[in-house]
Amino acid sequence: EMDGKEHICDHLIALDGDEAVATSRLNWLDGTKLKIQRVAVLKPYRGSGIGLKMIREAIRIGSERPGIGMVILEAQVSAIGFYEKIGFVAEGPVFMDAGIEHRLMTLPLD
């Protein structure tokens, strides 16, 4: 899904050989927050741990960038448990995005 912000974001891609099997986008907001977006893992790779590795790598990158104190994402409601295991906290009401229920999740960086 393209929204015109691709050029101002960083992108993570997980490879299995030459095949891209997972991706995410890092959107740097106002110099203080990292917003993880567009997280996707190919179906055959779901449950393999590649998504967890991708999110942890995004958090690591954010924690090394000066001024970034918070990581946020908009999780599909069905994935909230996955993100909670990493340390994210759901905040605010459920909202619809592309016909799917989501919630804002936050993770303060130490």
N, C-alpha and C. Protein backbone atom coordinates (compact mmCIF):
# COMPACT_ATOMS: atom_id res chain seq x y z
N GLU A 1 0.85 -1.17 0.00
CA GLU A 1 0.00 0.00 0.00
C GLU A 1 0.90 1.24 0.00
N MET A 2 0.72 2.10 -0.96
CA MET A 2 1.53 3.30 -1.10
C MET A 2 0.70 4.51 -0.66
N ASP A 3 1.36 5.43 0.07
CA ASP A 3 0.65 6.63 0.51
C ASP A 3 1.45 7.91 0.30
N GLY A 4 2.55 7.83 -0.44
CA GLY A 4 3.35 9.01 -0.72
C GLY A 4 4.38 9.35 0.34
N LYS A 5 4.44 8.59 1.44
CA LYS A 5 5.41 8.85 2.50
C LYS A 5 6.61 7.91 2.42
N GLU A 6 6.63 7.04 1.43
CA GLU A 6 7.69 6.04 1.33
C GLU A 6 9.08 6.66 1.31
N HIS A 7 9.22 7.79 0.68
CA HIS A 7 10.53 8.43 0.53
C HIS A 7 11.06 9.06 1.82
N ILE A 8 10.20 9.27 2.81
CA ILE A 8 10.66 9.85 4.08
C ILE A 8 10.78 8.81 5.18
N CYS A 9 10.52 7.56 4.86
CA CYS A 9 10.57 6.48 5.84
C CYS A 9 11.71 5.53 5.53
N ASP A 10 12.09 4.76 6.54
CA ASP A 10 13.02 3.66 6.34
C ASP A 10 12.19 2.39 6.23
N HIS A 11 12.74 1.38 5.56
CA HIS A 11 12.01 0.14 5.33
C HIS A 11 12.89 -1.04 5.73
N LEU A 12 12.28 -1.98 6.45
CA LEU A 12 12.96 -3.21 6.80
C LEU A 12 12.39 -4.34 5.96
N ILE A 13 13.26 -5.19 5.47
CA ILE A 13 12.83 -6.34 4.69
C ILE A 13 13.58 -7.56 5.21
N ALA A 14 12.86 -8.63 5.50
CA ALA A 14 13.47 -9.90 5.90
C ALA A 14 13.50 -10.80 4.66
N LEU A 15 14.65 -11.40 4.43
CA LEU A 15 14.84 -12.25 3.26
C LEU A 15 15.04 -13.70 3.67
N ASP A 16 14.53 -14.59 2.85
CA ASP A 16 14.85 -16.01 2.92
C ASP A 16 15.50 -16.30 1.57
N GLY A 17 16.81 -16.32 1.57
CA GLY A 17 17.53 -16.37 0.29
C GLY A 17 17.31 -15.07 -0.45
N ASP A 18 16.76 -15.15 -1.64
CA ASP A 18 16.46 -13.95 -2.43
C ASP A 18 15.01 -13.50 -2.31
N GLU A 19 14.22 -14.22 -1.51
CA GLU A 19 12.79 -13.91 -1.41
C GLU A 19 12.51 -13.03 -0.20
N ALA A 20 11.81 -11.91 -0.44
CA ALA A 20 11.33 -11.06 0.66
C ALA A 20 10.17 -11.78 1.33
N VAL A 21 10.29 -12.03 2.65
CA VAL A 21 9.25 -12.78 3.36
C VAL A 21 8.54 -11.95 4.42
N ALA A 22 9.11 -10.80 4.77
CA ALA A 22 8.48 -9.91 5.75
C ALA A 22 8.98 -8.49 5.53
N THR A 23 8.17 -7.53 5.92
CA THR A 23 8.53 -6.14 5.74
C THR A 23 7.88 -5.27 6.81
N SER A 24 8.46 -4.12 7.03
CA SER A 24 7.84 -3.09 7.86
C SER A 24 8.43 -1.74 7.47
N ARG A 25 7.71 -0.70 7.84
CA ARG A 25 8.14 0.66 7.50
C ARG A 25 8.34 1.43 8.80
N LEU A 26 9.41 2.21 8.85
CA LEU A 26 9.73 3.03 10.01
C LEU A 26 9.49 4.49 9.65
N ASN A 27 8.51 5.08 10.29
CA ASN A 27 8.13 6.47 10.03
C ASN A 27 8.53 7.29 11.25
N TRP A 28 9.44 8.23 11.06
CA TRP A 28 9.98 9.04 12.14
C TRP A 28 9.10 10.27 12.32
N LEU A 29 8.39 10.34 13.45
CA LEU A 29 7.44 11.42 13.70
C LEU A 29 8.04 12.48 14.61
N ASP A 30 8.04 13.68 14.20
CA ASP A 30 8.44 14.89 14.92
C ASP A 30 9.74 14.76 15.71
N GLY A 31 10.60 13.86 15.31
CA GLY A 31 11.90 13.72 15.97
C GLY A 31 11.87 13.07 17.34
N THR A 32 10.67 12.64 17.81
CA THR A 32 10.57 12.05 19.14
C THR A 32 9.95 10.66 19.15
N LYS A 33 9.30 10.28 18.06
CA LYS A 33 8.61 9.00 18.01
C LYS A 33 8.96 8.24 16.74
N LEU A 34 9.00 6.92 16.89
CA LEU A 34 9.09 6.02 15.75
C LEU A 34 7.75 5.34 15.61
N LYS A 35 7.14 5.44 14.43
CA LYS A 35 5.89 4.74 14.16
C LYS A 35 6.19 3.57 13.24
N ILE A 36 5.94 2.35 13.73
CA ILE A 36 6.12 1.17 12.91
C ILE A 36 4.83 0.95 12.12
N GLN A 37 4.98 0.83 10.82
CA GLN A 37 3.83 0.69 9.93
C GLN A 37 4.05 -0.42 8.92
N ARG A 38 2.97 -0.79 8.26
CA ARG A 38 3.02 -1.70 7.11
C ARG A 38 3.72 -3.02 7.43
N VAL A 39 3.49 -3.54 8.62
CA VAL A 39 4.09 -4.82 9.00
C VAL A 39 3.36 -5.93 8.25
N ALA A 40 4.13 -6.75 7.55
CA ALA A 40 3.53 -7.85 6.79
C ALA A 40 4.50 -9.02 6.75
N VAL A 41 3.96 -10.21 6.96
CA VAL A 41 4.74 -11.44 6.89
C VAL A 41 3.99 -12.39 5.97
N LEU A 42 4.69 -12.98 5.00
CA LEU A 42 4.05 -13.95 4.12
C LEU A 42 3.47 -15.10 4.93
N LYS A 43 2.31 -15.59 4.54
CA LYS A 43 1.61 -16.62 5.30
C LYS A 43 2.48 -17.82 5.67
N PRO A 44 3.28 -18.37 4.74
CA PRO A 44 4.07 -19.54 5.14
C PRO A 44 5.10 -19.26 6.24
N TYR A 45 5.40 -17.98 6.49
CA TYR A 45 6.41 -17.61 7.48
C TYR A 45 5.80 -17.14 8.80
N ARG A 46 4.48 -17.00 8.85
CA ARG A 46 3.83 -16.59 10.10
C ARG A 46 4.01 -17.68 11.14
N GLY A 47 4.30 -17.27 12.35
CA GLY A 47 4.53 -18.21 13.43
C GLY A 47 5.97 -18.70 13.51
N SER A 48 6.81 -18.23 12.58
CA SER A 48 8.21 -18.68 12.56
C SER A 48 9.13 -17.82 13.42
N GLY A 49 8.60 -16.68 13.91
CA GLY A 49 9.42 -15.76 14.70
C GLY A 49 9.98 -14.61 13.90
N ILE A 50 9.79 -14.63 12.58
CA ILE A 50 10.36 -13.56 11.74
C ILE A 50 9.70 -12.22 12.03
N GLY A 51 8.40 -12.21 12.32
CA GLY A 51 7.72 -10.96 12.66
C GLY A 51 8.25 -10.38 13.95
N LEU A 52 8.47 -11.23 14.94
CA LEU A 52 9.03 -10.79 16.22
C LEU A 52 10.42 -10.20 16.01
N LYS A 53 11.24 -10.87 15.23
CA LYS A 53 12.58 -10.35 14.95
C LYS A 53 12.51 -9.00 14.26
N MET A 54 11.56 -8.84 13.32
CA MET A 54 11.43 -7.58 12.60
C MET A 54 11.04 -6.45 13.55
N ILE A 55 10.09 -6.69 14.43
CA ILE A 55 9.66 -5.64 15.36
C ILE A 55 10.79 -5.31 16.34
N ARG A 56 11.47 -6.33 16.84
CA ARG A 56 12.59 -6.06 17.76
C ARG A 56 13.70 -5.26 17.07
N GLU A 57 13.95 -5.55 15.80
CA GLU A 57 14.96 -4.78 15.06
C GLU A 57 14.51 -3.34 14.88
N ALA A 58 13.24 -3.12 14.60
CA ALA A 58 12.72 -1.75 14.48
C ALA A 58 12.89 -1.00 15.80
N ILE A 59 12.58 -1.67 16.92
CA ILE A 59 12.74 -1.04 18.24
C ILE A 59 14.20 -0.72 18.49
N ARG A 60 15.09 -1.64 18.14
CA ARG A 60 16.53 -1.40 18.34
C ARG A 60 16.97 -0.18 17.54
N ILE A 61 16.55 -0.10 16.30
CA ILE A 61 16.92 1.05 15.45
C ILE A 61 16.39 2.34 16.07
N GLY A 62 15.14 2.31 16.53
CA GLY A 62 14.57 3.50 17.16
C GLY A 62 15.31 3.91 18.41
N SER A 63 15.71 2.92 19.21
CA SER A 63 16.40 3.23 20.47
C SER A 63 17.78 3.82 20.24
N GLU A 64 18.37 3.58 19.08
CA GLU A 64 19.70 4.12 18.77
C GLU A 64 19.64 5.49 18.10
N ARG A 65 18.46 5.94 17.74
CA ARG A 65 18.32 7.24 17.08
C ARG A 65 18.14 8.32 18.13
N PRO A 66 19.00 9.33 18.14
CA PRO A 66 18.89 10.39 19.15
C PRO A 66 17.51 11.06 19.14
N GLY A 67 16.98 11.27 20.34
CA GLY A 67 15.71 11.98 20.49
C GLY A 67 14.47 11.11 20.46
N ILE A 68 14.59 9.86 20.04
CA ILE A 68 13.42 8.99 19.96
C ILE A 68 13.16 8.38 21.34
N GLY A 69 11.99 8.71 21.91
CA GLY A 69 11.65 8.23 23.23
C GLY A 69 10.46 7.29 23.27
N MET A 70 9.83 7.10 22.12
CA MET A 70 8.60 6.30 22.10
C MET A 70 8.49 5.61 20.75
N VAL A 71 8.03 4.35 20.79
CA VAL A 71 7.66 3.62 19.58
C VAL A 71 6.16 3.44 19.62
N ILE A 72 5.50 3.74 18.51
CA ILE A 72 4.05 3.56 18.43
C ILE A 72 3.72 2.74 17.19
N LEU A 73 2.54 2.15 17.22
CA LEU A 73 2.02 1.46 16.05
C LEU A 73 0.52 1.37 16.19
N GLU A 74 -0.13 1.11 15.08
CA GLU A 74 -1.58 0.91 15.07
C GLU A 74 -1.81 -0.55 14.74
N ALA A 75 -2.08 -1.35 15.77
CA ALA A 75 -2.17 -2.80 15.63
C ALA A 75 -3.57 -3.23 15.27
N GLN A 76 -3.65 -4.21 14.39
CA GLN A 76 -4.93 -4.87 14.19
C GLN A 76 -5.31 -5.52 15.51
N VAL A 77 -6.58 -5.45 15.87
CA VAL A 77 -7.03 -5.98 17.16
C VAL A 77 -6.60 -7.44 17.32
N SER A 78 -6.63 -8.20 16.25
CA SER A 78 -6.25 -9.61 16.34
C SER A 78 -4.77 -9.81 16.66
N ALA A 79 -3.94 -8.77 16.50
CA ALA A 79 -2.49 -8.87 16.76
C ALA A 79 -2.07 -8.20 18.06
N ILE A 80 -3.01 -7.68 18.82
CA ILE A 80 -2.66 -6.96 20.05
C ILE A 80 -1.84 -7.85 21.00
N GLY A 81 -2.23 -9.09 21.18
CA GLY A 81 -1.50 -10.00 22.07
C GLY A 81 -0.05 -10.17 21.66
N PHE A 82 0.21 -10.25 20.35
CA PHE A 82 1.58 -10.36 19.83
C PHE A 82 2.41 -9.17 20.29
N TYR A 83 1.88 -7.96 20.12
CA TYR A 83 2.61 -6.76 20.49
C TYR A 83 2.73 -6.60 22.00
N GLU A 84 1.72 -7.03 22.75
CA GLU A 84 1.80 -6.95 24.21
C GLU A 84 2.94 -7.81 24.74
N LYS A 85 3.20 -8.95 24.13
CA LYS A 85 4.31 -9.82 24.56
C LYS A 85 5.66 -9.13 24.40
N ILE A 86 5.73 -8.17 23.49
CA ILE A 86 6.97 -7.42 23.25
C ILE A 86 7.08 -6.25 24.23
N GLY A 87 5.96 -5.84 24.82
CA GLY A 87 5.98 -4.74 25.77
C GLY A 87 5.11 -3.56 25.39
N PHE A 88 4.47 -3.61 24.22
CA PHE A 88 3.57 -2.53 23.82
C PHE A 88 2.31 -2.56 24.69
N VAL A 89 1.72 -1.37 24.89
CA VAL A 89 0.49 -1.23 25.66
C VAL A 89 -0.57 -0.62 24.74
N ALA A 90 -1.75 -1.24 24.71
CA ALA A 90 -2.86 -0.71 23.92
C ALA A 90 -3.44 0.51 24.62
N GLU A 91 -3.76 1.53 23.82
CA GLU A 91 -4.31 2.76 24.36
C GLU A 91 -5.47 3.22 23.49
N GLY A 92 -6.42 3.88 24.11
CA GLY A 92 -7.51 4.48 23.37
C GLY A 92 -8.49 3.46 22.80
N PRO A 93 -9.47 3.98 22.09
CA PRO A 93 -10.54 3.12 21.57
C PRO A 93 -10.12 2.36 20.31
N VAL A 94 -10.91 1.36 20.00
CA VAL A 94 -10.77 0.64 18.73
C VAL A 94 -11.21 1.59 17.62
N PHE A 95 -10.48 1.58 16.49
CA PHE A 95 -10.87 2.37 15.33
C PHE A 95 -10.72 1.51 14.08
N MET A 96 -11.39 1.91 13.05
CA MET A 96 -11.37 1.17 11.79
C MET A 96 -10.33 1.77 10.84
N ASP A 97 -9.56 0.91 10.20
CA ASP A 97 -8.63 1.30 9.16
C ASP A 97 -8.70 0.22 8.09
N ALA A 98 -9.03 0.59 6.89
CA ALA A 98 -9.17 -0.34 5.77
C ALA A 98 -10.16 -1.46 6.11
N GLY A 99 -11.20 -1.13 6.87
CA GLY A 99 -12.23 -2.10 7.21
C GLY A 99 -11.82 -3.09 8.29
N ILE A 100 -10.69 -2.84 8.98
CA ILE A 100 -10.18 -3.74 10.01
C ILE A 100 -10.06 -2.96 11.32
N GLU A 101 -10.46 -3.58 12.43
CA GLU A 101 -10.36 -2.93 13.73
C GLU A 101 -8.91 -2.85 14.17
N HIS A 102 -8.51 -1.67 14.67
CA HIS A 102 -7.15 -1.39 15.14
C HIS A 102 -7.21 -0.69 16.49
N ARG A 103 -6.06 -0.69 17.18
CA ARG A 103 -5.86 0.13 18.37
C ARG A 103 -4.45 0.69 18.35
N LEU A 104 -4.30 1.87 18.88
CA LEU A 104 -3.00 2.47 19.07
C LEU A 104 -2.26 1.70 20.15
N MET A 105 -0.96 1.45 19.94
CA MET A 105 -0.13 0.80 20.94
C MET A 105 1.15 1.60 21.08
N THR A 106 1.65 1.67 22.31
CA THR A 106 2.85 2.47 22.60
C THR A 106 3.87 1.65 23.37
N LEU A 107 5.13 2.00 23.17
CA LEU A 107 6.25 1.39 23.89
C LEU A 107 7.27 2.47 24.19
N PRO A 108 7.34 2.94 25.46
CA PRO A 108 8.38 3.92 25.80
C PRO A 108 9.76 3.29 25.70
N LEU A 109 10.72 4.06 25.22
CA LEU A 109 12.10 3.60 25.16
C LEU A 109 12.85 4.13 26.37
N ASP A 110 13.68 3.29 26.97
CA ASP A 110 14.46 3.70 28.15
C ASP A 110 15.73 4.39 27.71
